[in-house]
PDB file of N, CA and C in Angstrom:
ATOM      1  N   MET A   1      -7.600 -10.270   2.653  1.00  0.00           N
ATOM      2  CA  MET A   1      -8.121  -9.084   2.018  1.00  0.00           C
ATOM      3  C   MET A   1      -9.628  -9.214   1.827  1.00  0.00           C
ATOM      4  N   GLU A   2     -10.070 -10.407   1.432  1.00  0.00           N
ATOM      5  CA  GLU A   2     -11.502 -10.586   1.182  1.00  0.00           C
ATOM      6  C   GLU A   2     -12.318 -10.512   2.474  1.00  0.00           C
ATOM      7  N   LYS A   3     -11.750 -10.941   3.585  1.00  0.00           N
ATOM      8  CA  LYS A   3     -12.466 -10.823   4.859  1.00  0.00           C
ATOM      9  C   LYS A   3     -12.660  -9.355   5.216  1.00  0.00           C
ATOM     10  N   LEU A   4     -11.621  -8.556   5.018  1.00  0.00           N
ATOM     11  CA  LEU A   4     -11.744  -7.116   5.280  1.00  0.00           C
ATOM     12  C   LEU A   4     -12.764  -6.478   4.340  1.00  0.00           C
ATOM     13  N   LEU A   5     -12.752  -6.910   3.095  1.00  0.00           N
ATOM     14  CA  LEU A   5     -13.705  -6.386   2.122  1.00  0.00           C
ATOM     15  C   LEU A   5     -15.134  -6.758   2.517  1.00  0.00           C
ATOM     16  N   MET A   6     -15.344  -7.976   2.978  1.00  0.00           N
ATOM     17  CA  MET A   6     -16.692  -8.388   3.393  1.00  0.00           C
ATOM     18  C   MET A   6     -17.175  -7.582   4.599  1.00  0.00           C
ATOM     19  N   VAL A   7     -16.278  -7.270   5.525  1.00  0.00           N
ATOM     20  CA  VAL A   7     -16.650  -6.423   6.667  1.00  0.00           C
ATOM     21  C   VAL A   7     -17.124  -5.071   6.144  1.00  0.00           C
ATOM     22  N   TRP A   8     -16.381  -4.504   5.207  1.00  0.00           N
ATOM     23  CA  TRP A   8     -16.737  -3.211   4.629  1.00  0.00           C
ATOM     24  C   TRP A   8     -18.076  -3.291   3.894  1.00  0.00           C
ATOM     25  N   VAL A   9     -18.269  -4.342   3.090  1.00  0.00           N
ATOM     26  CA  VAL A   9     -19.526  -4.518   2.357  1.00  0.00           C
ATOM     27  C   VAL A   9     -20.693  -4.603   3.331  1.00  0.00           C
ATOM     28  N   THR A  10     -20.522  -5.387   4.388  1.00  0.00           N
ATOM     29  CA  THR A  10     -21.590  -5.552   5.379  1.00  0.00           C
ATOM     30  C   THR A  10     -21.925  -4.226   6.049  1.00  0.00           C
ATOM     31  N   GLU A  11     -20.892  -3.459   6.402  1.00  0.00           N
ATOM     32  CA  GLU A  11     -21.135  -2.144   7.022  1.00  0.00           C
ATOM     33  C   GLU A  11     -21.905  -1.233   6.078  1.00  0.00           C
ATOM     34  N   LYS A  12     -21.526  -1.234   4.818  1.00  0.00           N
ATOM     35  CA  LYS A  12     -22.212  -0.396   3.829  1.00  0.00           C
ATOM     36  C   LYS A  12     -23.668  -0.831   3.664  1.00  0.00           C
ATOM     37  N   GLN A  13     -23.894  -2.130   3.653  1.00  0.00           N
ATOM     38  CA  GLN A  13     -25.259  -2.642   3.515  1.00  0.00           C
ATOM     39  C   GLN A  13     -26.115  -2.233   4.705  1.00  0.00           C
ATOM     40  N   LEU A  14     -25.547  -2.325   5.891  1.00  0.00           N
ATOM     41  CA  LEU A  14     -26.290  -1.948   7.094  1.00  0.00           C
ATOM     42  C   LEU A  14     -26.666  -0.469   7.080  1.00  0.00           C
ATOM     43  N   LYS A  15     -25.837   0.353   6.444  1.00  0.00           N
ATOM     44  CA  LYS A  15     -26.134   1.782   6.321  1.00  0.00           C
ATOM     45  C   LYS A  15     -27.127   2.064   5.197  1.00  0.00           C
ATOM     46  N   GLY A  16     -27.388   1.041   4.379  1.00  0.00           N
ATOM     47  CA  GLY A  16     -28.311   1.227   3.266  1.00  0.00           C
ATOM     48  C   GLY A  16     -27.664   1.796   2.021  1.00  0.00           C
ATOM     49  N   ASP A  17     -26.336   1.785   1.975  1.00  0.00           N
ATOM     50  CA  ASP A  17     -25.626   2.314   0.809  1.00  0.00           C
ATOM     51  C   ASP A  17     -25.746   1.369  -0.382  1.00  0.00           C
ATOM     52  N   THR A  18     -25.802   1.942  -1.569  1.00  0.00           N
ATOM     53  CA  THR A  18     -25.819   1.166  -2.796  1.00  0.00           C
ATOM     54  C   THR A  18     -24.393   0.776  -3.147  1.00  0.00           C
ATOM     55  N   LEU A  19     -24.191  -0.505  -3.434  1.00  0.00           N
ATOM     56  CA  LEU A  19     -22.874  -0.997  -3.821  1.00  0.00           C
ATOM     57  C   LEU A  19     -22.955  -1.628  -5.199  1.00  0.00           C
ATOM     58  N   THR A  20     -22.058  -1.209  -6.070  1.00  0.00           N
ATOM     59  CA  THR A  20     -21.977  -1.784  -7.404  1.00  0.00           C
ATOM     60  C   THR A  20     -20.688  -2.587  -7.516  1.00  0.00           C
ATOM     61  N   GLN A  21     -20.578  -3.333  -8.601  1.00  0.00           N
ATOM     62  CA  GLN A  21     -19.351  -4.088  -8.849  1.00  0.00           C
ATOM     63  C   GLN A  21     -18.145  -3.147  -8.871  1.00  0.00           C
ATOM     64  N   GLY A  22     -18.287  -2.018  -9.530  1.00  0.00           N
ATOM     65  CA  GLY A  22     -17.188  -1.057  -9.623  1.00  0.00           C
ATOM     66  C   GLY A  22     -16.740  -0.537  -8.267  1.00  0.00           C
ATOM     67  N   ILE A  23     -17.699  -0.214  -7.415  1.00  0.00           N
ATOM     68  CA  ILE A  23     -17.380   0.305  -6.077  1.00  0.00           C
ATOM     69  C   ILE A  23     -16.668  -0.770  -5.261  1.00  0.00           C
ATOM     70  N   ILE A  24     -17.169  -2.002  -5.331  1.00  0.00           N
ATOM     71  CA  ILE A  24     -16.567  -3.092  -4.557  1.00  0.00           C
ATOM     72  C   ILE A  24     -15.157  -3.399  -5.071  1.00  0.00           C
ATOM     73  N   CYS A  25     -14.968  -3.418  -6.381  1.00  0.00           N
ATOM     74  CA  CYS A  25     -13.643  -3.690  -6.941  1.00  0.00           C
ATOM     75  C   CYS A  25     -12.658  -2.585  -6.594  1.00  0.00           C
ATOM     76  N   GLU A  26     -13.116  -1.346  -6.610  1.00  0.00           N
ATOM     77  CA  GLU A  26     -12.257  -0.219  -6.239  1.00  0.00           C
ATOM     78  C   GLU A  26     -11.805  -0.358  -4.787  1.00  0.00           C
ATOM     79  N   LYS A  27     -12.724  -0.715  -3.905  1.00  0.00           N
ATOM     80  CA  LYS A  27     -12.385  -0.895  -2.490  1.00  0.00           C
ATOM     81  C   LYS A  27     -11.438  -2.084  -2.310  1.00  0.00           C
ATOM     82  N   ALA A  28     -11.660  -3.155  -3.075  1.00  0.00           N
ATOM     83  CA  ALA A  28     -10.781  -4.325  -2.998  1.00  0.00           C
ATOM     84  C   ALA A  28      -9.345  -3.953  -3.370  1.00  0.00           C
ATOM     85  N   ARG A  29      -9.179  -3.163  -4.433  1.00  0.00           N
ATOM     86  CA  ARG A  29      -7.840  -2.724  -4.834  1.00  0.00           C
ATOM     87  C   ARG A  29      -7.210  -1.846  -3.760  1.00  0.00           C
ATOM     88  N   ALA A  30      -8.016  -0.989  -3.134  1.00  0.00           N
ATOM     89  CA  ALA A  30      -7.500  -0.113  -2.073  1.00  0.00           C
ATOM     90  C   ALA A  30      -7.049  -0.927  -0.857  1.00  0.00           C
ATOM     91  N   ILE A  31      -7.847  -1.898  -0.458  1.00  0.00           N
ATOM     92  CA  ILE A  31      -7.487  -2.747   0.681  1.00  0.00           C
ATOM     93  C   ILE A  31      -6.217  -3.530   0.361  1.00  0.00           C
ATOM     94  N   TYR A  32      -6.141  -4.081  -0.848  1.00  0.00           N
ATOM     95  CA  TYR A  32      -4.953  -4.828  -1.258  1.00  0.00           C
ATOM     96  C   TYR A  32      -3.707  -3.938  -1.182  1.00  0.00           C
ATOM     97  N   GLY A  33      -3.825  -2.727  -1.696  1.00  0.00           N
ATOM     98  CA  GLY A  33      -2.698  -1.789  -1.655  1.00  0.00           C
ATOM     99  C   GLY A  33      -2.298  -1.445  -0.228  1.00  0.00           C
ATOM    100  N   ASP A  34      -3.282  -1.230   0.641  1.00  0.00           N
ATOM    101  CA  ASP A  34      -2.992  -0.932   2.049  1.00  0.00           C
ATOM    102  C   ASP A  34      -2.273  -2.095   2.716  1.00  0.00           C
ATOM    103  N   LEU A  35      -2.726  -3.315   2.434  1.00  0.00           N
ATOM    104  CA  LEU A  35      -2.075  -4.492   3.026  1.00  0.00           C
ATOM    105  C   LEU A  35      -0.653  -4.653   2.511  1.00  0.00           C
ATOM    106  N   LEU A  36      -0.424  -4.369   1.225  1.00  0.00           N
ATOM    107  CA  LEU A  36       0.932  -4.436   0.679  1.00  0.00           C
ATOM    108  C   LEU A  36       1.855  -3.428   1.351  1.00  0.00           C
ATOM    109  N   ASN A  37       1.334  -2.235   1.593  1.00  0.00           N
ATOM    110  CA  ASN A  37       2.143  -1.193   2.224  1.00  0.00           C
ATOM    111  C   ASN A  37       2.494  -1.525   3.663  1.00  0.00           C
ATOM    112  N   GLN A  38       1.686  -2.351   4.311  1.00  0.00           N
ATOM    113  CA  GLN A  38       1.932  -2.733   5.705  1.00  0.00           C
ATOM    114  C   GLN A  38       2.854  -3.943   5.814  1.00  0.00           C
ATOM    115  N   THR A  39       3.090  -4.638   4.699  1.00  0.00           N
ATOM    116  CA  THR A  39       3.884  -5.858   4.700  1.00  0.00           C
ATOM    117  C   THR A  39       5.318  -5.536   4.300  1.00  0.00           C
ATOM    118  N   PRO A  40       6.297  -5.937   5.120  1.00  0.00           N
ATOM    119  CA  PRO A  40       7.698  -5.727   4.730  1.00  0.00           C
ATOM    120  C   PRO A  40       8.012  -6.499   3.450  1.00  0.00           C
ATOM    121  N   ARG A  41       8.720  -5.857   2.544  1.00  0.00           N
ATOM    122  CA  ARG A  41       9.052  -6.495   1.263  1.00  0.00           C
ATOM    123  C   ARG A  41      10.547  -6.646   1.110  1.00  0.00           C
ATOM    124  N   THR A  42      10.924  -7.611   0.287  1.00  0.00           N
ATOM    125  CA  THR A  42      12.328  -7.789  -0.071  1.00  0.00           C
ATOM    126  C   THR A  42      12.495  -7.394  -1.526  1.00  0.00           C
ATOM    127  N   SER A  43      13.733  -7.307  -1.975  1.00  0.00           N
ATOM    128  CA  SER A  43      13.981  -6.900  -3.362  1.00  0.00           C
ATOM    129  C   SER A  43      13.488  -7.950  -4.357  1.00  0.00           C
ATOM    130  N   THR A  44      13.298  -9.186  -3.904  1.00  0.00           N
ATOM    131  CA  THR A  44      12.818 -10.238  -4.797  1.00  0.00           C
ATOM    132  C   THR A  44      11.308 -10.389  -4.769  1.00  0.00           C
ATOM    133  N   ASP A  45      10.648  -9.595  -3.941  1.00  0.00           N
ATOM    134  CA  ASP A  45       9.191  -9.652  -3.830  1.00  0.00           C
ATOM    135  C   ASP A  45       8.560  -9.176  -5.129  1.00  0.00           C
ATOM    136  N   GLU A  46       7.703  -9.991  -5.702  1.00  0.00           N
ATOM    137  CA  GLU A  46       7.039  -9.613  -6.952  1.00  0.00           C
ATOM    138  C   GLU A  46       5.668  -9.015  -6.731  1.00  0.00           C
ATOM    139  N   ALA A  47       5.152  -9.086  -5.517  1.00  0.00           N
ATOM    140  CA  ALA A  47       3.820  -8.545  -5.238  1.00  0.00           C
ATOM    141  C   ALA A  47       3.857  -7.024  -5.362  1.00  0.00           C
ATOM    142  N   SER A  48       2.903  -6.494  -6.057  1.00  0.00           N
ATOM    143  CA  SER A  48       2.784  -5.045  -6.181  1.00  0.00           C
ATOM    144  C   SER A  48       1.313  -4.701  -6.314  1.00  0.00           C
ATOM    145  N   GLU A  49       1.034  -3.424  -6.192  1.00  0.00           N
ATOM    146  CA  GLU A  49      -0.359  -2.985  -6.316  1.00  0.00           C
ATOM    147  C   GLU A  49      -0.905  -3.320  -7.702  1.00  0.00           C
ATOM    148  N   ASP A  50      -0.029  -3.414  -8.687  1.00  0.00           N
ATOM    149  CA  ASP A  50      -0.460  -3.720 -10.048  1.00  0.00           C
ATOM    150  C   ASP A  50      -0.751  -5.206 -10.247  1.00  0.00           C
ATOM    151  N   SER A  51      -0.338  -6.051  -9.291  1.00  0.00           N
ATOM    152  CA  SER A  51      -0.516  -7.489  -9.486  1.00  0.00           C
ATOM    153  C   SER A  51      -1.942  -7.952  -9.184  1.00  0.00           C
ATOM    154  N   PHE A  52      -2.721  -7.148  -8.512  1.00  0.00           N
ATOM    155  CA  PHE A  52      -4.121  -7.485  -8.231  1.00  0.00           C
ATOM    156  C   PHE A  52      -5.016  -6.534  -9.008  1.00  0.00           C
ATOM    157  N   LYS A  53      -5.801  -7.091  -9.901  1.00  0.00           N
ATOM    158  CA  LYS A  53      -6.615  -6.260 -10.804  1.00  0.00           C
ATOM    159  C   LYS A  53      -8.070  -6.102 -10.379  1.00  0.00           C
ATOM    160  N   ALA A  54      -8.563  -6.955  -9.482  1.00  0.00           N
ATOM    161  CA  ALA A  54      -9.988  -6.934  -9.115  1.00  0.00           C
ATOM    162  C   ALA A  54     -10.835  -6.971 -10.384  1.00  0.00           C
ATOM    163  N   SER A  55     -10.552  -7.961 -11.211  1.00  0.00           N
ATOM    164  CA  SER A  55     -11.222  -8.110 -12.503  1.00  0.00           C
ATOM    165  C   SER A  55     -12.654  -8.614 -12.319  1.00  0.00           C
ATOM    166  N   ARG A  56     -13.366  -8.662 -13.419  1.00  0.00           N
ATOM    167  CA  ARG A  56     -14.738  -9.181 -13.380  1.00  0.00           C
ATOM    168  C   ARG A  56     -14.740 -10.643 -12.941  1.00  0.00           C
ATOM    169  N   GLY A  57     -13.755 -11.406 -13.422  1.00  0.00           N
ATOM    170  CA  GLY A  57     -13.642 -12.808 -13.023  1.00  0.00           C
ATOM    171  C   GLY A  57     -13.414 -12.947 -11.524  1.00  0.00           C
ATOM    172  N   TRP A  58     -12.524 -12.101 -10.979  1.00  0.00           N
ATOM    173  CA  TRP A  58     -12.294 -12.121  -9.537  1.00  0.00           C
ATOM    174  C   TRP A  58     -13.592 -11.776  -8.814  1.00  0.00           C
ATOM    175  N   PHE A  59     -14.292 -10.740  -9.286  1.00  0.00           N
ATOM    176  CA  PHE A  59     -15.523 -10.317  -8.634  1.00  0.00           C
ATOM    177  C   PHE A  59     -16.576 -11.421  -8.655  1.00  0.00           C
ATOM    178  N   ASP A  60     -16.732 -12.077  -9.790  1.00  0.00           N
ATOM    179  CA  ASP A  60     -17.710 -13.167  -9.890  1.00  0.00           C
ATOM    180  C   ASP A  60     -17.387 -14.285  -8.906  1.00  0.00           C
ATOM    181  N   ASN A  61     -16.110 -14.643  -8.812  1.00  0.00           N
ATOM    182  CA  ASN A  61     -15.703 -15.686  -7.857  1.00  0.00           C
ATOM    183  C   ASN A  61     -15.842 -15.218  -6.416  1.00  0.00           C
ATOM    184  N   PHE A  62     -15.562 -13.954  -6.150  1.00  0.00           N
ATOM    185  CA  PHE A  62     -15.732 -13.379  -4.814  1.00  0.00           C
ATOM    186  C   PHE A  62     -17.198 -13.480  -4.399  1.00  0.00           C
ATOM    187  N   ARG A  63     -18.099 -13.150  -5.316  1.00  0.00           N
ATOM    188  CA  ARG A  63     -19.536 -13.256  -5.025  1.00  0.00           C
ATOM    189  C   ARG A  63     -19.913 -14.692  -4.668  1.00  0.00           C
ATOM    190  N   LYS A  64     -19.394 -15.646  -5.420  1.00  0.00           N
ATOM    191  CA  LYS A  64     -19.701 -17.055  -5.154  1.00  0.00           C
ATOM    192  C   LYS A  64     -19.148 -17.492  -3.798  1.00  0.00           C
ATOM    193  N   ARG A  65     -17.914 -17.069  -3.495  1.00  0.00           N
ATOM    194  CA  ARG A  65     -17.287 -17.466  -2.224  1.00  0.00           C
ATOM    195  C   ARG A  65     -17.996 -16.868  -1.028  1.00  0.00           C
ATOM    196  N   THR A  66     -18.509 -15.654  -1.169  1.00  0.00           N
ATOM    197  CA  THR A  66     -19.074 -14.945  -0.021  1.00  0.00           C
ATOM    198  C   THR A  66     -20.591 -15.004   0.050  1.00  0.00           C
ATOM    199  N   GLY A  67     -21.225 -15.407  -1.029  1.00  0.00           N
ATOM    200  CA  GLY A  67     -22.676 -15.507  -1.011  1.00  0.00           C
ATOM    201  C   GLY A  67     -23.399 -14.208  -1.310  1.00  0.00           C
ATOM    202  N   ILE A  68     -22.683 -13.185  -1.789  1.00  0.00           N
ATOM    203  CA  ILE A  68     -23.388 -11.968  -2.203  1.00  0.00           C
ATOM    204  C   ILE A  68     -23.788 -12.128  -3.660  1.00  0.00           C
ATOM    205  N   HIS A  69     -24.851 -11.455  -4.037  1.00  0.00           N
ATOM    206  CA  HIS A  69     -25.294 -11.509  -5.420  1.00  0.00           C
ATOM    207  C   HIS A  69     -25.791 -10.144  -5.856  1.00  0.00           C
ATOM    208  N   SER A  70     -25.790  -9.960  -7.132  1.00  0.00           N
ATOM    209  CA  SER A  70     -26.181  -8.669  -7.700  1.00  0.00           C
ATOM    210  C   SER A  70     -27.660  -8.689  -8.054  1.00  0.00           C
ATOM    211  N   VAL A  71     -28.374  -7.664  -7.618  1.00  0.00           N
ATOM    212  CA  VAL A  71     -29.785  -7.518  -7.953  1.00  0.00           C
ATOM    213  C   VAL A  71     -29.969  -6.131  -8.541  1.00  0.00           C
ATOM    214  N   SER A  72     -30.244  -6.073  -9.829  1.00  0.00           N
ATOM    215  CA  SER A  72     -30.428  -4.825 -10.578  1.00  0.00           C
ATOM    216  C   SER A  72     -29.412  -3.756 -10.199  1.00  0.00           C
ATOM    217  N   GLY A  73     -28.130  -4.122 -10.298  1.00  0.00           N
ATOM    218  CA  GLY A  73     -27.055  -3.163 -10.069  1.00  0.00           C
ATOM    219  C   GLY A  73     -26.696  -2.975  -8.612  1.00  0.00           C
ATOM    220  N   MET A  74     -27.467  -3.528  -7.704  1.00  0.00           N
ATOM    221  CA  MET A  74     -27.174  -3.367  -6.285  1.00  0.00           C
ATOM    222  C   MET A  74     -26.740  -4.712  -5.731  1.00  0.00           C
ATOM    223  N   VAL A  75     -25.712  -4.705  -4.927  1.00  0.00           N
ATOM    224  CA  VAL A  75     -25.214  -5.953  -4.363  1.00  0.00           C
ATOM    225  C   VAL A  75     -25.778  -6.107  -2.953  1.00  0.00           C
ATOM    226  N   ARG A  76     -26.384  -7.263  -2.722  1.00  0.00           N
ATOM    227  CA  ARG A  76     -26.937  -7.558  -1.401  1.00  0.00           C
ATOM    228  C   ARG A  76     -26.409  -8.893  -0.940  1.00  0.00           C
ATOM    229  N   GLN A  77     -26.297  -9.056   0.341  1.00  0.00           N
ATOM    230  CA  GLN A  77     -25.832 -10.348   0.859  1.00  0.00           C
ATOM    231  C   GLN A  77     -26.989 -11.327   0.865  1.00  0.00           C
ATOM    232  N   GLN A  78     -26.711 -12.505   0.355  1.00  0.00           N
ATOM    233  CA  GLN A  78     -27.717 -13.560   0.321  1.00  0.00           C
ATOM    234  C   GLN A  78     -27.828 -14.157   1.724  1.00  0.00           C
ATOM    235  N   VAL A  79     -29.033 -14.303   2.196  1.00  0.00           N
ATOM    236  CA  VAL A  79     -29.263 -14.871   3.514  1.00  0.00           C
ATOM    237  C   VAL A  79     -29.197 -16.384   3.400  1.00  0.00           C
ATOM    238  N   ARG A  80     -28.325 -16.981   4.179  1.00  0.00           N
ATOM    239  CA  ARG A  80     -28.194 -18.446   4.171  1.00  0.00           C
ATOM    240  C   ARG A  80     -28.819 -18.999   5.430  1.00  0.00           C
ATOM    241  N   MET A  81     -29.609 -20.040   5.284  1.00  0.00           N
ATOM    242  CA  MET A  81     -30.230 -20.681   6.435  1.00  0.00           C
ATOM    243  C   MET A  81     -29.722 -22.085   6.565  1.00  0.00           C
TER     244      MET A  81
END
């Protein structure tokens, strides 16, 4: 899910769109829900759209894992050399 989200973030950045934590978390929840709908489930499956919250803690860790950082409300990808 995070790889798909990073592709989306990168596309938005290339277009010059402003991305906030709220926008990114909303998209993360949407991608998660889409992936759940594409995955066959059993009656014992506990995964649901409600099980992923895209919380602030998740967002902070996502930023660390992917190297994006927030600059005055706008999220930009950090250039790594």
